[in-house]
Amino acid sequence: SIDAKLATMGLTRSDDPDFYIDILSQD
C-alpha cells in the first residue's frame, strides 16, 4: 500500500535511497 501510494507521488524505491521508512504497530 505504501509503495503504491508513494509511486503516485513520484517517489521510487531504491537500493541507495534518500531516506528509509520504519513501520511499528501495536494493539
mmCIF file of all heavy atoms, coordinates in Angstrom:
data_MODEL
# 
_entry.id   MODEL 
# 
loop_
_atom_site.group_PDB 
_atom_site.id 
_atom_site.type_symbol 
_atom_site.label_atom_id 
_atom_site.label_alt_id 
_atom_site.label_comp_id 
_atom_site.label_asym_id 
_atom_site.label_entity_id 
_atom_site.label_seq_id 
_atom_site.pdbx_PDB_ins_code 
_atom_site.Cartn_x 
_atom_site.Cartn_y 
_atom_site.Cartn_z 
_atom_site.occupancy 
_atom_site.B_iso_or_equiv 
_atom_site.pdbx_formal_charge 
_atom_site.auth_seq_id 
_atom_site.auth_comp_id 
_atom_site.auth_asym_id 
_atom_site.auth_atom_id 
_atom_site.pdbx_PDB_model_num 
ATOM 1   N N   . SER A 1 1  ? 0.833  -1.211 0.000  1.00 0.00 ? 1  SER A N   1 
ATOM 2   C CA  . SER A 1 1  ? 0.000  0.000  0.000  1.00 0.00 ? 1  SER A CA  1 
ATOM 3   C C   . SER A 1 1  ? 0.863  1.255  0.000  1.00 0.00 ? 1  SER A C   1 
ATOM 4   O O   . SER A 1 1  ? 0.584  2.215  -0.731 1.00 0.00 ? 1  SER A O   1 
ATOM 5   C CB  . SER A 1 1  ? -0.934 0.011  1.212  1.00 0.00 ? 1  SER A CB  1 
ATOM 6   O OG  . SER A 1 1  ? -1.875 -1.018 1.137  1.00 0.00 ? 1  SER A OG  1 
ATOM 7   N N   . ILE A 1 2  ? 1.917  1.258  0.817  1.00 0.00 ? 2  ILE A N   1 
ATOM 8   C CA  . ILE A 1 2  ? 2.819  2.412  0.869  1.00 0.00 ? 2  ILE A CA  1 
ATOM 9   C C   . ILE A 1 2  ? 3.537  2.588  -0.465 1.00 0.00 ? 2  ILE A C   1 
ATOM 10  O O   . ILE A 1 2  ? 3.623  3.697  -0.992 1.00 0.00 ? 2  ILE A O   1 
ATOM 11  C CB  . ILE A 1 2  ? 3.823  2.282  2.030  1.00 0.00 ? 2  ILE A CB  1 
ATOM 12  C CG1 . ILE A 1 2  ? 3.091  2.404  3.377  1.00 0.00 ? 2  ILE A CG1 1 
ATOM 13  C CG2 . ILE A 1 2  ? 4.932  3.327  1.933  1.00 0.00 ? 2  ILE A CG2 1 
ATOM 14  C CD1 . ILE A 1 2  ? 3.955  2.082  4.597  1.00 0.00 ? 2  ILE A CD1 1 
ATOM 15  N N   . ASP A 1 3  ? 4.054  1.477  -1.017 1.00 0.00 ? 3  ASP A N   1 
ATOM 16  C CA  . ASP A 1 3  ? 4.745  1.557  -2.316 1.00 0.00 ? 3  ASP A CA  1 
ATOM 17  C C   . ASP A 1 3  ? 3.830  2.140  -3.390 1.00 0.00 ? 3  ASP A C   1 
ATOM 18  O O   . ASP A 1 3  ? 4.258  3.004  -4.174 1.00 0.00 ? 3  ASP A O   1 
ATOM 19  C CB  . ASP A 1 3  ? 5.236  0.173  -2.748 1.00 0.00 ? 3  ASP A CB  1 
ATOM 20  C CG  . ASP A 1 3  ? 6.439  -0.319 -1.949 1.00 0.00 ? 3  ASP A CG  1 
ATOM 21  O OD1 . ASP A 1 3  ? 7.068  0.496  -1.234 1.00 0.00 ? 3  ASP A OD1 1 
ATOM 22  O OD2 . ASP A 1 3  ? 6.738  -1.531 -2.029 1.00 0.00 ? 3  ASP A OD2 1 
ATOM 23  N N   . ALA A 1 4  ? 2.591  1.673  -3.444 1.00 0.00 ? 4  ALA A N   1 
ATOM 24  C CA  . ALA A 1 4  ? 1.657  2.151  -4.459 1.00 0.00 ? 4  ALA A CA  1 
ATOM 25  C C   . ALA A 1 4  ? 1.368  3.640  -4.274 1.00 0.00 ? 4  ALA A C   1 
ATOM 26  O O   . ALA A 1 4  ? 1.351  4.402  -5.243 1.00 0.00 ? 4  ALA A O   1 
ATOM 27  C CB  . ALA A 1 4  ? 0.359  1.348  -4.409 1.00 0.00 ? 4  ALA A CB  1 
ATOM 28  N N   . LYS A 1 5  ? 1.161  4.059  -3.032 1.00 0.00 ? 5  LYS A N   1 
ATOM 29  C CA  . LYS A 1 5  ? 0.848  5.468  -2.776 1.00 0.00 ? 5  LYS A CA  1 
ATOM 30  C C   . LYS A 1 5  ? 2.048  6.367  -3.081 1.00 0.00 ? 5  LYS A C   1 
ATOM 31  O O   . LYS A 1 5  ? 1.902  7.407  -3.722 1.00 0.00 ? 5  LYS A O   1 
ATOM 32  C CB  . LYS A 1 5  ? 0.398  5.656  -1.326 1.00 0.00 ? 5  LYS A CB  1 
ATOM 33  C CG  . LYS A 1 5  ? 0.062  7.089  -0.965 1.00 0.00 ? 5  LYS A CG  1 
ATOM 34  C CD  . LYS A 1 5  ? -1.072 7.616  -1.831 1.00 0.00 ? 5  LYS A CD  1 
ATOM 35  C CE  . LYS A 1 5  ? -1.365 9.069  -1.528 1.00 0.00 ? 5  LYS A CE  1 
ATOM 36  N NZ  . LYS A 1 5  ? -2.325 9.638  -2.453 1.00 0.00 ? 5  LYS A NZ  1 
ATOM 37  N N   . LEU A 1 6  ? 3.238  5.966  -2.630 1.00 0.00 ? 6  LEU A N   1 
ATOM 38  C CA  . LEU A 1 6  ? 4.419  6.789  -2.875 1.00 0.00 ? 6  LEU A CA  1 
ATOM 39  C C   . LEU A 1 6  ? 4.750  6.862  -4.364 1.00 0.00 ? 6  LEU A C   1 
ATOM 40  O O   . LEU A 1 6  ? 5.241  7.881  -4.843 1.00 0.00 ? 6  LEU A O   1 
ATOM 41  C CB  . LEU A 1 6  ? 5.608  6.292  -2.065 1.00 0.00 ? 6  LEU A CB  1 
ATOM 42  C CG  . LEU A 1 6  ? 5.488  6.455  -0.542 1.00 0.00 ? 6  LEU A CG  1 
ATOM 43  C CD1 . LEU A 1 6  ? 6.742  5.951  0.163  1.00 0.00 ? 6  LEU A CD1 1 
ATOM 44  C CD2 . LEU A 1 6  ? 5.195  7.899  -0.151 1.00 0.00 ? 6  LEU A CD2 1 
ATOM 45  N N   . ALA A 1 7  ? 4.462  5.804  -5.114 1.00 0.00 ? 7  ALA A N   1 
ATOM 46  C CA  . ALA A 1 7  ? 4.686  5.835  -6.560 1.00 0.00 ? 7  ALA A CA  1 
ATOM 47  C C   . ALA A 1 7  ? 3.791  6.890  -7.213 1.00 0.00 ? 7  ALA A C   1 
ATOM 48  O O   . ALA A 1 7  ? 4.227  7.598  -8.125 1.00 0.00 ? 7  ALA A O   1 
ATOM 49  C CB  . ALA A 1 7  ? 4.413  4.465  -7.174 1.00 0.00 ? 7  ALA A CB  1 
ATOM 50  N N   . THR A 1 8  ? 2.564  7.026  -6.737 1.00 0.00 ? 8  THR A N   1 
ATOM 51  C CA  . THR A 1 8  ? 1.676  8.060  -7.295 1.00 0.00 ? 8  THR A CA  1 
ATOM 52  C C   . THR A 1 8  ? 2.157  9.459  -6.939 1.00 0.00 ? 8  THR A C   1 
ATOM 53  O O   . THR A 1 8  ? 1.770  10.423 -7.588 1.00 0.00 ? 8  THR A O   1 
ATOM 54  C CB  . THR A 1 8  ? 0.219  7.903  -6.804 1.00 0.00 ? 8  THR A CB  1 
ATOM 55  O OG1 . THR A 1 8  ? 0.157  8.148  -5.397 1.00 0.00 ? 8  THR A OG1 1 
ATOM 56  C CG2 . THR A 1 8  ? -0.332 6.529  -7.136 1.00 0.00 ? 8  THR A CG2 1 
ATOM 57  N N   . MET A 1 9  ? 3.011  9.561  -5.932 1.00 0.00 ? 9  MET A N   1 
ATOM 58  C CA  . MET A 1 9  ? 3.542  10.856 -5.502 1.00 0.00 ? 9  MET A CA  1 
ATOM 59  C C   . MET A 1 9  ? 4.910  11.142 -6.129 1.00 0.00 ? 9  MET A C   1 
ATOM 60  O O   . MET A 1 9  ? 5.560  12.122 -5.786 1.00 0.00 ? 9  MET A O   1 
ATOM 61  C CB  . MET A 1 9  ? 3.642  10.886 -3.974 1.00 0.00 ? 9  MET A CB  1 
ATOM 62  C CG  . MET A 1 9  ? 2.298  10.697 -3.285 1.00 0.00 ? 9  MET A CG  1 
ATOM 63  S SD  . MET A 1 9  ? 2.442  10.435 -1.504 1.00 0.00 ? 9  MET A SD  1 
ATOM 64  C CE  . MET A 1 9  ? 2.786  12.090 -0.965 1.00 0.00 ? 9  MET A CE  1 
ATOM 65  N N   . GLY A 1 10 ? 5.371  10.239 -7.008 1.00 0.00 ? 10 GLY A N   1 
ATOM 66  C CA  . GLY A 1 10 ? 6.628  10.452 -7.713 1.00 0.00 ? 10 GLY A CA  1 
ATOM 67  C C   . GLY A 1 10 ? 7.859  9.943  -6.985 1.00 0.00 ? 10 GLY A C   1 
ATOM 68  O O   . GLY A 1 10 ? 8.984  10.215 -7.416 1.00 0.00 ? 10 GLY A O   1 
ATOM 69  N N   . LEU A 1 11 ? 7.681  9.179  -5.911 1.00 0.00 ? 11 LEU A N   1 
ATOM 70  C CA  . LEU A 1 11 ? 8.817  8.608  -5.182 1.00 0.00 ? 11 LEU A CA  1 
ATOM 71  C C   . LEU A 1 11 ? 9.034  7.175  -5.643 1.00 0.00 ? 11 LEU A C   1 
ATOM 72  O O   . LEU A 1 11 ? 8.083  6.463  -5.955 1.00 0.00 ? 11 LEU A O   1 
ATOM 73  C CB  . LEU A 1 11 ? 8.560  8.638  -3.677 1.00 0.00 ? 11 LEU A CB  1 
ATOM 74  C CG  . LEU A 1 11 ? 8.382  10.030 -3.061 1.00 0.00 ? 11 LEU A CG  1 
ATOM 75  C CD1 . LEU A 1 11 ? 7.872  9.935  -1.635 1.00 0.00 ? 11 LEU A CD1 1 
ATOM 76  C CD2 . LEU A 1 11 ? 9.690  10.787 -3.093 1.00 0.00 ? 11 LEU A CD2 1 
ATOM 77  N N   . THR A 1 12 ? 10.310 6.745  -5.686 1.00 0.00 ? 12 THR A N   1 
ATOM 78  C CA  . THR A 1 12 ? 10.616 5.390  -6.114 1.00 0.00 ? 12 THR A CA  1 
ATOM 79  C C   . THR A 1 12 ? 11.440 4.670  -5.064 1.00 0.00 ? 12 THR A C   1 
ATOM 80  O O   . THR A 1 12 ? 12.234 5.277  -4.350 1.00 0.00 ? 12 THR A O   1 
ATOM 81  C CB  . THR A 1 12 ? 11.401 5.385  -7.447 1.00 0.00 ? 12 THR A CB  1 
ATOM 82  O OG1 . THR A 1 12 ? 12.570 6.191  -7.294 1.00 0.00 ? 12 THR A OG1 1 
ATOM 83  C CG2 . THR A 1 12 ? 10.553 5.917  -8.579 1.00 0.00 ? 12 THR A CG2 1 
ATOM 84  N N   . ARG A 1 13 ? 11.249 3.361  -5.016 1.00 0.00 ? 13 ARG A N   1 
ATOM 85  C CA  . ARG A 1 13 ? 12.005 2.518  -4.092 1.00 0.00 ? 13 ARG A CA  1 
ATOM 86  C C   . ARG A 1 13 ? 13.374 2.249  -4.708 1.00 0.00 ? 13 ARG A C   1 
ATOM 87  O O   . ARG A 1 13 ? 13.481 1.991  -5.909 1.00 0.00 ? 13 ARG A O   1 
ATOM 88  C CB  . ARG A 1 13 ? 11.248 1.217  -3.860 1.00 0.00 ? 13 ARG A CB  1 
ATOM 89  C CG  . ARG A 1 13 ? 11.730 0.457  -2.677 1.00 0.00 ? 13 ARG A CG  1 
ATOM 90  C CD  . ARG A 1 13 ? 10.731 -0.606 -2.296 1.00 0.00 ? 13 ARG A CD  1 
ATOM 91  N NE  . ARG A 1 13 ? 11.287 -1.460 -1.258 1.00 0.00 ? 13 ARG A NE  1 
ATOM 92  C CZ  . ARG A 1 13 ? 10.666 -2.488 -0.736 1.00 0.00 ? 13 ARG A CZ  1 
ATOM 93  N NH1 . ARG A 1 13 ? 9.453  -2.799 -1.161 1.00 0.00 ? 13 ARG A NH1 1 
ATOM 94  N NH2 . ARG A 1 13 ? 11.236 -3.205 0.201  1.00 0.00 ? 13 ARG A NH2 1 
ATOM 95  N N   . SER A 1 14 ? 14.428 2.312  -3.864 1.00 0.00 ? 14 SER A N   1 
ATOM 96  C CA  . SER A 1 14 ? 15.791 2.220  -4.375 1.00 0.00 ? 14 SER A CA  1 
ATOM 97  C C   . SER A 1 14 ? 16.678 1.467  -3.387 1.00 0.00 ? 14 SER A C   1 
ATOM 98  O O   . SER A 1 14 ? 16.424 1.466  -2.185 1.00 0.00 ? 14 SER A O   1 
ATOM 99  C CB  . SER A 1 14 ? 16.334 3.635  -4.594 1.00 0.00 ? 14 SER A CB  1 
ATOM 100 O OG  . SER A 1 14 ? 17.717 3.602  -4.849 1.00 0.00 ? 14 SER A OG  1 
ATOM 101 N N   . ASP A 1 15 ? 17.760 0.854  -3.914 1.00 0.00 ? 15 ASP A N   1 
ATOM 102 C CA  . ASP A 1 15 ? 18.748 0.216  -3.045 1.00 0.00 ? 15 ASP A CA  1 
ATOM 103 C C   . ASP A 1 15 ? 19.675 1.241  -2.402 1.00 0.00 ? 15 ASP A C   1 
ATOM 104 O O   . ASP A 1 15 ? 20.352 0.944  -1.426 1.00 0.00 ? 15 ASP A O   1 
ATOM 105 C CB  . ASP A 1 15 ? 19.580 -0.799 -3.837 1.00 0.00 ? 15 ASP A CB  1 
ATOM 106 C CG  . ASP A 1 15 ? 18.747 -2.013 -4.242 1.00 0.00 ? 15 ASP A CG  1 
ATOM 107 O OD1 . ASP A 1 15 ? 17.750 -2.314 -3.549 1.00 0.00 ? 15 ASP A OD1 1 
ATOM 108 O OD2 . ASP A 1 15 ? 19.089 -2.652 -5.255 1.00 0.00 ? 15 ASP A OD2 1 
ATOM 109 N N   . ASP A 1 16 ? 19.747 2.427  -2.980 1.00 0.00 ? 16 ASP A N   1 
ATOM 110 C CA  . ASP A 1 16 ? 20.538 3.528  -2.423 1.00 0.00 ? 16 ASP A CA  1 
ATOM 111 C C   . ASP A 1 16 ? 19.598 4.720  -2.203 1.00 0.00 ? 16 ASP A C   1 
ATOM 112 O O   . ASP A 1 16 ? 19.636 5.707  -2.953 1.00 0.00 ? 16 ASP A O   1 
ATOM 113 C CB  . ASP A 1 16 ? 21.686 3.904  -3.364 1.00 0.00 ? 16 ASP A CB  1 
ATOM 114 C CG  . ASP A 1 16 ? 22.593 4.959  -2.748 1.00 0.00 ? 16 ASP A CG  1 
ATOM 115 O OD1 . ASP A 1 16 ? 22.692 5.031  -1.503 1.00 0.00 ? 16 ASP A OD1 1 
ATOM 116 O OD2 . ASP A 1 16 ? 23.200 5.738  -3.530 1.00 0.00 ? 16 ASP A OD2 1 
ATOM 117 N N   . PRO A 1 17 ? 18.734 4.642  -1.164 1.00 0.00 ? 17 PRO A N   1 
ATOM 118 C CA  . PRO A 1 17 ? 17.658 5.623  -1.017 1.00 0.00 ? 17 PRO A CA  1 
ATOM 119 C C   . PRO A 1 17 ? 18.095 6.938  -0.370 1.00 0.00 ? 17 PRO A C   1 
ATOM 120 O O   . PRO A 1 17 ? 19.110 7.004  0.320  1.00 0.00 ? 17 PRO A O   1 
ATOM 121 C CB  . PRO A 1 17 ? 16.672 4.897  -0.109 1.00 0.00 ? 17 PRO A CB  1 
ATOM 122 C CG  . PRO A 1 17 ? 17.557 4.052  0.759  1.00 0.00 ? 17 PRO A CG  1 
ATOM 123 C CD  . PRO A 1 17 ? 18.670 3.595  -0.154 1.00 0.00 ? 17 PRO A CD  1 
ATOM 124 N N   . ASP A 1 18 ? 17.263 7.935  -0.589 1.00 0.00 ? 18 ASP A N   1 
ATOM 125 C CA  . ASP A 1 18 ? 17.433 9.222  0.094  1.00 0.00 ? 18 ASP A CA  1 
ATOM 126 C C   . ASP A 1 18 ? 16.975 9.121  1.548  1.00 0.00 ? 18 ASP A C   1 
ATOM 127 O O   . ASP A 1 18 ? 17.486 9.820  2.416  1.00 0.00 ? 18 ASP A O   1 
ATOM 128 C CB  . ASP A 1 18 ? 16.612 10.312 -0.599 1.00 0.00 ? 18 ASP A CB  1 
ATOM 129 C CG  . ASP A 1 18 ? 17.072 10.569 -2.024 1.00 0.00 ? 18 ASP A CG  1 
ATOM 130 O OD1 . ASP A 1 18 ? 18.287 10.441 -2.283 1.00 0.00 ? 18 ASP A OD1 1 
ATOM 131 O OD2 . ASP A 1 18 ? 16.216 10.891 -2.873 1.00 0.00 ? 18 ASP A OD2 1 
ATOM 132 N N   . PHE A 1 19 ? 15.977 8.261  1.803  1.00 0.00 ? 19 PHE A N   1 
ATOM 133 C CA  . PHE A 1 19 ? 15.505 8.068  3.176  1.00 0.00 ? 19 PHE A CA  1 
ATOM 134 C C   . PHE A 1 19 ? 14.969 6.653  3.355  1.00 0.00 ? 19 PHE A C   1 
ATOM 135 O O   . PHE A 1 19 ? 14.700 5.948  2.388  1.00 0.00 ? 19 PHE A O   1 
ATOM 136 C CB  . PHE A 1 19 ? 14.445 9.105  3.559  1.00 0.00 ? 19 PHE A CB  1 
ATOM 137 C CG  . PHE A 1 19 ? 13.128 8.970  2.836  1.00 0.00 ? 19 PHE A CG  1 
ATOM 138 C CD1 . PHE A 1 19 ? 12.076 8.254  3.398  1.00 0.00 ? 19 PHE A CD1 1 
ATOM 139 C CD2 . PHE A 1 19 ? 12.915 9.574  1.618  1.00 0.00 ? 19 PHE A CD2 1 
ATOM 140 C CE1 . PHE A 1 19 ? 10.857 8.143  2.752  1.00 0.00 ? 19 PHE A CE1 1 
ATOM 141 C CE2 . PHE A 1 19 ? 11.703 9.486  0.965  1.00 0.00 ? 19 PHE A CE2 1 
ATOM 142 C CZ  . PHE A 1 19 ? 10.663 8.761  1.528  1.00 0.00 ? 19 PHE A CZ  1 
ATOM 143 N N   . TYR A 1 20 ? 14.854 6.257  4.619  1.00 0.00 ? 20 TYR A N   1 
ATOM 144 C CA  . TYR A 1 20 ? 14.339 4.948  4.981  1.00 0.00 ? 20 TYR A CA  1 
ATOM 145 C C   . TYR A 1 20 ? 13.008 5.101  5.698  1.00 0.00 ? 20 TYR A C   1 
ATOM 146 O O   . TYR A 1 20 ? 12.751 6.110  6.364  1.00 0.00 ? 20 TYR A O   1 
ATOM 147 C CB  . TYR A 1 20 ? 15.313 4.210  5.895  1.00 0.00 ? 20 TYR A CB  1 
ATOM 148 C CG  . TYR A 1 20 ? 16.513 3.671  5.158  1.00 0.00 ? 20 TYR A CG  1 
ATOM 149 C CD1 . TYR A 1 20 ? 17.635 4.458  4.964  1.00 0.00 ? 20 TYR A CD1 1 
ATOM 150 C CD2 . TYR A 1 20 ? 16.513 2.383  4.647  1.00 0.00 ? 20 TYR A CD2 1 
ATOM 151 C CE1 . TYR A 1 20 ? 18.736 3.980  4.283  1.00 0.00 ? 20 TYR A CE1 1 
ATOM 152 C CE2 . TYR A 1 20 ? 17.614 1.886  3.957  1.00 0.00 ? 20 TYR A CE2 1 
ATOM 153 C CZ  . TYR A 1 20 ? 18.720 2.691  3.783  1.00 0.00 ? 20 TYR A CZ  1 
ATOM 154 O OH  . TYR A 1 20 ? 19.803 2.215  3.092  1.00 0.00 ? 20 TYR A OH  1 
ATOM 155 N N   . ILE A 1 21 ? 12.187 4.065  5.565  1.00 0.00 ? 21 ILE A N   1 
ATOM 156 C CA  . ILE A 1 21 ? 10.893 4.028  6.233  1.00 0.00 ? 21 ILE A CA  1 
ATOM 157 C C   . ILE A 1 21 ? 10.924 2.947  7.298  1.00 0.00 ? 21 ILE A C   1 
ATOM 158 O O   . ILE A 1 21 ? 11.408 1.843  7.058  1.00 0.00 ? 21 ILE A O   1 
ATOM 159 C CB  . ILE A 1 21 ? 9.761  3.740  5.224  1.00 0.00 ? 21 ILE A CB  1 
ATOM 160 C CG1 . ILE A 1 21 ? 9.696  4.842  4.176  1.00 0.00 ? 21 ILE A CG1 1 
ATOM 161 C CG2 . ILE A 1 21 ? 8.420  3.576  5.949  1.00 0.00 ? 21 ILE A CG2 1 
ATOM 162 C CD1 . ILE A 1 21 ? 8.700  4.575  3.057  1.00 0.00 ? 21 ILE A CD1 1 
ATOM 163 N N   . ASP A 1 22 ? 10.409 3.293  8.466  1.00 0.00 ? 22 ASP A N   1 
ATOM 164 C CA  . ASP A 1 22 ? 10.248 2.334  9.552  1.00 0.00 ? 22 ASP A CA  1 
ATOM 165 C C   . ASP A 1 22 ? 8.767  2.287  9.911  1.00 0.00 ? 22 ASP A C   1 
ATOM 166 O O   . ASP A 1 22 ? 8.109  3.336  9.975  1.00 0.00 ? 22 ASP A O   1 
ATOM 167 C CB  . ASP A 1 22 ? 11.073 2.750  10.770 1.00 0.00 ? 22 ASP A CB  1 
ATOM 168 C CG  . ASP A 1 22 ? 11.191 1.639  11.807 1.00 0.00 ? 22 ASP A CG  1 
ATOM 169 O OD1 . ASP A 1 22 ? 10.926 0.467  11.459 1.00 0.00 ? 22 ASP A OD1 1 
ATOM 170 O OD2 . ASP A 1 22 ? 11.530 1.938  12.955 1.00 0.00 ? 22 ASP A OD2 1 
ATOM 171 N N   . ILE A 1 23 ? 8.250  1.093  10.124 1.00 0.00 ? 23 ILE A N   1 
ATOM 172 C CA  . ILE A 1 23 ? 6.844  0.897  10.482 1.00 0.00 ? 23 ILE A CA  1 
ATOM 173 C C   . ILE A 1 23 ? 6.803  0.148  11.808 1.00 0.00 ? 23 ILE A C   1 
ATOM 174 O O   . ILE A 1 23 ? 7.480  -0.867 11.969 1.00 0.00 ? 23 ILE A O   1 
ATOM 175 C CB  . ILE A 1 23 ? 6.100  0.068  9.413  1.00 0.00 ? 23 ILE A CB  1 
ATOM 176 C CG1 . ILE A 1 23 ? 6.216  0.720  8.044  1.00 0.00 ? 23 ILE A CG1 1 
ATOM 177 C CG2 . ILE A 1 23 ? 4.643  -0.145 9.811  1.00 0.00 ? 23 ILE A CG2 1 
ATOM 178 C CD1 . ILE A 1 23 ? 5.788  -0.183 6.899  1.00 0.00 ? 23 ILE A CD1 1 
ATOM 179 N N   . LEU A 1 24 ? 6.024  0.640  12.722 1.00 0.00 ? 24 LEU A N   1 
ATOM 180 C CA  . LEU A 1 24 ? 5.842  -0.012 14.021 1.00 0.00 ? 24 LEU A CA  1 
ATOM 181 C C   . LEU A 1 24 ? 4.357  -0.025 14.328 1.00 0.00 ? 24 LEU A C   1 
ATOM 182 O O   . LEU A 1 24 ? 3.672  0.985  14.155 1.00 0.00 ? 24 LEU A O   1 
ATOM 183 C CB  . LEU A 1 24 ? 6.601  0.728  15.116 1.00 0.00 ? 24 LEU A CB  1 
ATOM 184 C CG  . LEU A 1 24 ? 6.470  0.167  16.519 1.00 0.00 ? 24 LEU A CG  1 
ATOM 185 C CD1 . LEU A 1 24 ? 7.044  -1.249 16.594 1.00 0.00 ? 24 LEU A CD1 1 
ATOM 186 C CD2 . LEU A 1 24 ? 7.155  1.056  17.525 1.00 0.00 ? 24 LEU A CD2 1 
ATOM 187 N N   . SER A 1 25 ? 3.867  -1.167 14.777 1.00 0.00 ? 25 SER A N   1 
ATOM 188 C CA  . SER A 1 25 ? 2.451  -1.302 15.070 1.00 0.00 ? 25 SER A CA  1 
ATOM 189 C C   . SER A 1 25 ? 2.268  -2.007 16.406 1.00 0.00 ? 25 SER A C   1 
ATOM 190 O O   . SER A 1 25 ? 3.060  -2.868 16.774 1.00 0.00 ? 25 SER A O   1 
ATOM 191 C CB  . SER A 1 25 ? 1.791  -2.115 13.956 1.00 0.00 ? 25 SER A CB  1 
ATOM 192 O OG  . SER A 1 25 ? 0.451  -2.376 14.276 1.00 0.00 ? 25 SER A OG  1 
ATOM 193 N N   . GLN A 1 26 ? 1.210  -1.614 17.106 1.00 0.00 ? 26 GLN A N   1 
ATOM 194 C CA  . GLN A 1 26 ? 0.880  -2.297 18.356 1.00 0.00 ? 26 GLN A CA  1 
ATOM 195 C C   . GLN A 1 26 ? -0.615 -2.193 18.616 1.00 0.00 ? 26 GLN A C   1 
ATOM 196 O O   . GLN A 1 26 ? -1.268 -1.267 18.173 1.00 0.00 ? 26 GLN A O   1 
ATOM 197 C CB  . GLN A 1 26 ? 1.669  -1.721 19.517 1.00 0.00 ? 26 GLN A CB  1 
ATOM 198 C CG  . GLN A 1 26 ? 1.368  -0.284 19.851 1.00 0.00 ? 26 GLN A CG  1 
ATOM 199 C CD  . GLN A 1 26 ? 2.191  0.214  21.020 1.00 0.00 ? 26 GLN A CD  1 
ATOM 200 O OE1 . GLN A 1 26 ? 2.761  -0.553 21.765 1.00 0.00 ? 26 GLN A OE1 1 
ATOM 201 N NE2 . GLN A 1 26 ? 2.247  1.516  21.178 1.00 0.00 ? 26 GLN A NE2 1 
ATOM 202 N N   . ASP A 1 27 ? -1.132 -3.190 19.339 1.00 0.00 ? 27 ASP A N   1 
ATOM 203 C CA  . ASP A 1 27 ? -2.521 -3.156 19.766 1.00 0.00 ? 27 ASP A CA  1 
ATOM 204 C C   . ASP A 1 27 ? -2.625 -2.316 21.015 1.00 0.00 ? 27 ASP A C   1 
ATOM 205 O O   . ASP A 1 27 ? -1.768 -2.376 21.897 1.00 0.00 ? 27 ASP A O   1 
ATOM 206 C CB  . ASP A 1 27 ? -3.023 -4.567 20.098 1.00 0.00 ? 27 ASP A CB  1 
ATOM 207 C CG  . ASP A 1 27 ? -3.281 -5.389 18.852 1.00 0.00 ? 27 ASP A CG  1 
ATOM 208 O OD1 . ASP A 1 27 ? -3.708 -4.808 17.844 1.00 0.00 ? 27 ASP A OD1 1 
ATOM 209 O OD2 . ASP A 1 27 ? -3.078 -6.610 18.902 1.00 0.00 ? 27 ASP A OD2 1 
# 
